[in-house]
Amino acid sequence: MTLLVGQYEGERLRHAGKVGTGYDTRTLRDLRERLDGLERDRSPFADEVRERARTAPGDRSRAAAGR
């Protein structure tokens, strides 16, 4: 699993890169359950993001948390 991360510049959430989680399977499942409720149709980032977060095999959902 890969997470896209960002940081706020004023009111705009700017894409800052991606990180691998390094979590074990149990933690990944827990994290997935928590993030599923935050799924969005559109990117929360102010700028265009060309890379995509990698999810668990067979899982095509995307999630992003706002503030």
N, C-alpha and C. Protein backbone atom coordinates (compact mmCIF):
# COMPACT_ATOMS: atom_id res chain seq x y z
N MET A 1 0.84 -1.17 0.00
CA MET A 1 0.00 0.00 0.00
C MET A 1 0.89 1.23 0.00
N THR A 2 0.51 2.21 -0.78
CA THR A 2 1.20 3.49 -0.85
C THR A 2 0.20 4.59 -0.51
N LEU A 3 0.64 5.57 0.24
CA LEU A 3 -0.21 6.70 0.58
C LEU A 3 0.32 7.96 -0.09
N LEU A 4 -0.59 8.73 -0.68
CA LEU A 4 -0.22 10.04 -1.18
C LEU A 4 -0.34 11.01 -0.02
N VAL A 5 0.64 11.88 0.13
CA VAL A 5 0.64 12.82 1.26
C VAL A 5 0.69 14.25 0.74
N GLY A 6 0.23 15.17 1.59
CA GLY A 6 0.24 16.57 1.21
C GLY A 6 0.42 17.45 2.42
N GLN A 7 0.55 18.73 2.15
CA GLN A 7 0.67 19.70 3.23
C GLN A 7 -0.10 20.95 2.82
N TYR A 8 -0.64 21.61 3.82
CA TYR A 8 -1.40 22.82 3.55
C TYR A 8 -0.46 24.01 3.40
N GLU A 9 -0.75 24.81 2.36
CA GLU A 9 -0.14 26.12 2.18
C GLU A 9 -1.32 27.08 2.22
N GLY A 10 -1.52 27.70 3.34
CA GLY A 10 -2.72 28.52 3.54
C GLY A 10 -3.92 27.60 3.55
N GLU A 11 -4.87 27.83 2.65
CA GLU A 11 -6.08 27.00 2.56
C GLU A 11 -5.96 25.90 1.52
N ARG A 12 -4.84 25.86 0.79
CA ARG A 12 -4.68 24.88 -0.30
C ARG A 12 -3.88 23.68 0.17
N LEU A 13 -4.40 22.49 -0.12
CA LEU A 13 -3.68 21.25 0.17
C LEU A 13 -2.82 20.92 -1.05
N ARG A 14 -1.51 20.94 -0.87
CA ARG A 14 -0.57 20.70 -1.96
C ARG A 14 0.01 19.30 -1.85
N HIS A 15 0.08 18.61 -2.97
CA HIS A 15 0.65 17.27 -3.02
C HIS A 15 2.14 17.35 -2.68
N ALA A 16 2.60 16.47 -1.79
CA ALA A 16 4.00 16.49 -1.35
C ALA A 16 4.76 15.21 -1.72
N GLY A 17 4.06 14.19 -2.21
CA GLY A 17 4.73 12.96 -2.59
C GLY A 17 3.94 11.74 -2.15
N LYS A 18 4.63 10.61 -2.13
CA LYS A 18 3.99 9.37 -1.69
C LYS A 18 4.94 8.63 -0.77
N VAL A 19 4.36 7.82 0.08
CA VAL A 19 5.17 7.04 1.02
C VAL A 19 4.65 5.61 1.07
N GLY A 20 5.56 4.67 1.23
CA GLY A 20 5.17 3.29 1.49
C GLY A 20 4.88 3.17 2.97
N THR A 21 3.97 2.31 3.32
CA THR A 21 3.58 2.24 4.72
C THR A 21 4.47 1.34 5.55
N GLY A 22 4.90 0.21 5.00
CA GLY A 22 5.70 -0.72 5.77
C GLY A 22 4.93 -1.45 6.85
N TYR A 23 3.59 -1.35 6.82
CA TYR A 23 2.75 -1.98 7.84
C TYR A 23 2.54 -3.46 7.55
N ASP A 24 2.27 -4.22 8.60
CA ASP A 24 1.94 -5.64 8.40
C ASP A 24 0.49 -5.75 7.92
N THR A 25 0.10 -6.96 7.50
CA THR A 25 -1.22 -7.19 6.92
C THR A 25 -2.35 -6.78 7.86
N ARG A 26 -2.23 -7.09 9.11
CA ARG A 26 -3.28 -6.73 10.09
C ARG A 26 -3.47 -5.22 10.17
N THR A 27 -2.37 -4.49 10.24
CA THR A 27 -2.45 -3.03 10.33
C THR A 27 -3.00 -2.44 9.04
N LEU A 28 -2.62 -3.01 7.89
CA LEU A 28 -3.14 -2.53 6.61
C LEU A 28 -4.66 -2.70 6.53
N ARG A 29 -5.16 -3.83 7.00
CA ARG A 29 -6.61 -4.05 6.99
C ARG A 29 -7.31 -3.03 7.87
N ASP A 30 -6.76 -2.77 9.05
CA ASP A 30 -7.34 -1.79 9.96
C ASP A 30 -7.33 -0.40 9.33
N LEU A 31 -6.22 -0.04 8.73
CA LEU A 31 -6.09 1.26 8.08
C LEU A 31 -7.08 1.37 6.93
N ARG A 32 -7.23 0.32 6.13
CA ARG A 32 -8.17 0.32 5.01
C ARG A 32 -9.60 0.56 5.50
N GLU A 33 -10.00 -0.10 6.57
CA GLU A 33 -11.34 0.09 7.12
C GLU A 33 -11.56 1.54 7.55
N ARG A 34 -10.54 2.13 8.14
CA ARG A 34 -10.66 3.53 8.60
C ARG A 34 -10.73 4.50 7.42
N LEU A 35 -9.95 4.24 6.37
CA LEU A 35 -9.89 5.15 5.23
C LEU A 35 -11.07 5.00 4.28
N ASP A 36 -11.69 3.83 4.24
CA ASP A 36 -12.81 3.62 3.32
C ASP A 36 -13.91 4.66 3.52
N GLY A 37 -14.16 5.08 4.72
CA GLY A 37 -15.18 6.08 4.98
C GLY A 37 -14.82 7.47 4.50
N LEU A 38 -13.57 7.67 4.11
CA LEU A 38 -13.10 8.99 3.65
C LEU A 38 -12.93 9.06 2.14
N GLU A 39 -13.39 8.03 1.43
CA GLU A 39 -13.20 7.97 -0.02
C GLU A 39 -13.84 9.18 -0.71
N ARG A 40 -13.16 9.67 -1.74
CA ARG A 40 -13.63 10.83 -2.50
C ARG A 40 -13.66 10.50 -3.98
N ASP A 41 -14.50 11.21 -4.72
CA ASP A 41 -14.53 11.05 -6.18
C ASP A 41 -13.42 11.86 -6.84
N ARG A 42 -13.04 12.96 -6.19
CA ARG A 42 -12.02 13.86 -6.76
C ARG A 42 -10.86 14.00 -5.80
N SER A 43 -9.74 14.36 -6.34
CA SER A 43 -8.54 14.57 -5.53
C SER A 43 -8.73 15.78 -4.62
N PRO A 44 -8.29 15.70 -3.37
CA PRO A 44 -8.38 16.85 -2.47
C PRO A 44 -7.25 17.85 -2.69
N PHE A 45 -6.26 17.48 -3.52
CA PHE A 45 -5.09 18.34 -3.72
C PHE A 45 -5.41 19.48 -4.68
N ALA A 46 -4.86 20.66 -4.40
CA ALA A 46 -5.08 21.84 -5.23
C ALA A 46 -4.40 21.69 -6.58
N ASP A 47 -3.25 21.03 -6.62
CA ASP A 47 -2.52 20.86 -7.87
C ASP A 47 -2.79 19.47 -8.45
N GLU A 48 -2.52 19.32 -9.74
CA GLU A 48 -2.72 18.03 -10.39
C GLU A 48 -1.72 17.01 -9.86
N VAL A 49 -2.20 15.81 -9.60
CA VAL A 49 -1.34 14.73 -9.12
C VAL A 49 -1.33 13.66 -10.19
N ARG A 50 -0.15 13.41 -10.76
CA ARG A 50 -0.04 12.44 -11.84
C ARG A 50 0.15 11.02 -11.33
N GLU A 51 0.72 10.87 -10.15
CA GLU A 51 0.91 9.53 -9.61
C GLU A 51 -0.31 9.10 -8.83
N ARG A 52 -0.45 7.79 -8.67
CA ARG A 52 -1.60 7.24 -7.96
C ARG A 52 -1.12 6.46 -6.76
N ALA A 53 -1.96 6.44 -5.74
CA ALA A 53 -1.65 5.63 -4.57
C ALA A 53 -1.83 4.17 -4.95
N ARG A 54 -0.94 3.33 -4.48
CA ARG A 54 -1.07 1.89 -4.70
C ARG A 54 -1.83 1.29 -3.54
N THR A 55 -2.85 0.52 -3.85
CA THR A 55 -3.64 -0.10 -2.81
C THR A 55 -3.35 -1.59 -2.75
N ALA A 56 -3.96 -2.25 -1.81
CA ALA A 56 -3.78 -3.69 -1.69
C ALA A 56 -4.27 -4.37 -2.96
N PRO A 57 -3.70 -5.52 -3.33
CA PRO A 57 -4.13 -6.22 -4.55
C PRO A 57 -5.64 -6.43 -4.55
N GLY A 58 -6.26 -6.12 -5.68
CA GLY A 58 -7.70 -6.29 -5.82
C GLY A 58 -8.52 -5.16 -5.22
N ASP A 59 -7.90 -4.20 -4.60
CA ASP A 59 -8.59 -3.09 -3.97
C ASP A 59 -8.39 -1.85 -4.82
N ARG A 60 -9.45 -1.31 -5.38
CA ARG A 60 -9.33 -0.18 -6.27
C ARG A 60 -9.83 1.12 -5.66
N SER A 61 -10.19 1.11 -4.39
CA SER A 61 -10.72 2.33 -3.78
C SER A 61 -9.61 3.31 -3.47
N ARG A 62 -9.99 4.58 -3.36
CA ARG A 62 -9.05 5.65 -3.02
C ARG A 62 -9.60 6.39 -1.83
N ALA A 63 -8.73 6.88 -1.03
CA ALA A 63 -9.21 7.65 0.13
C ALA A 63 -8.27 8.82 0.39
N ALA A 64 -8.83 9.88 0.88
CA ALA A 64 -8.03 11.05 1.25
C ALA A 64 -8.75 11.77 2.38
N ALA A 65 -8.00 12.20 3.31
CA ALA A 65 -8.59 12.90 4.46
C ALA A 65 -8.44 14.40 4.27
N GLY A 66 -9.48 15.12 4.57
CA GLY A 66 -9.43 16.57 4.56
C GLY A 66 -9.16 17.06 5.97
N ARG A 67 -9.11 18.34 6.14
CA ARG A 67 -8.89 18.82 7.50
C ARG A 67 -10.12 19.38 8.09
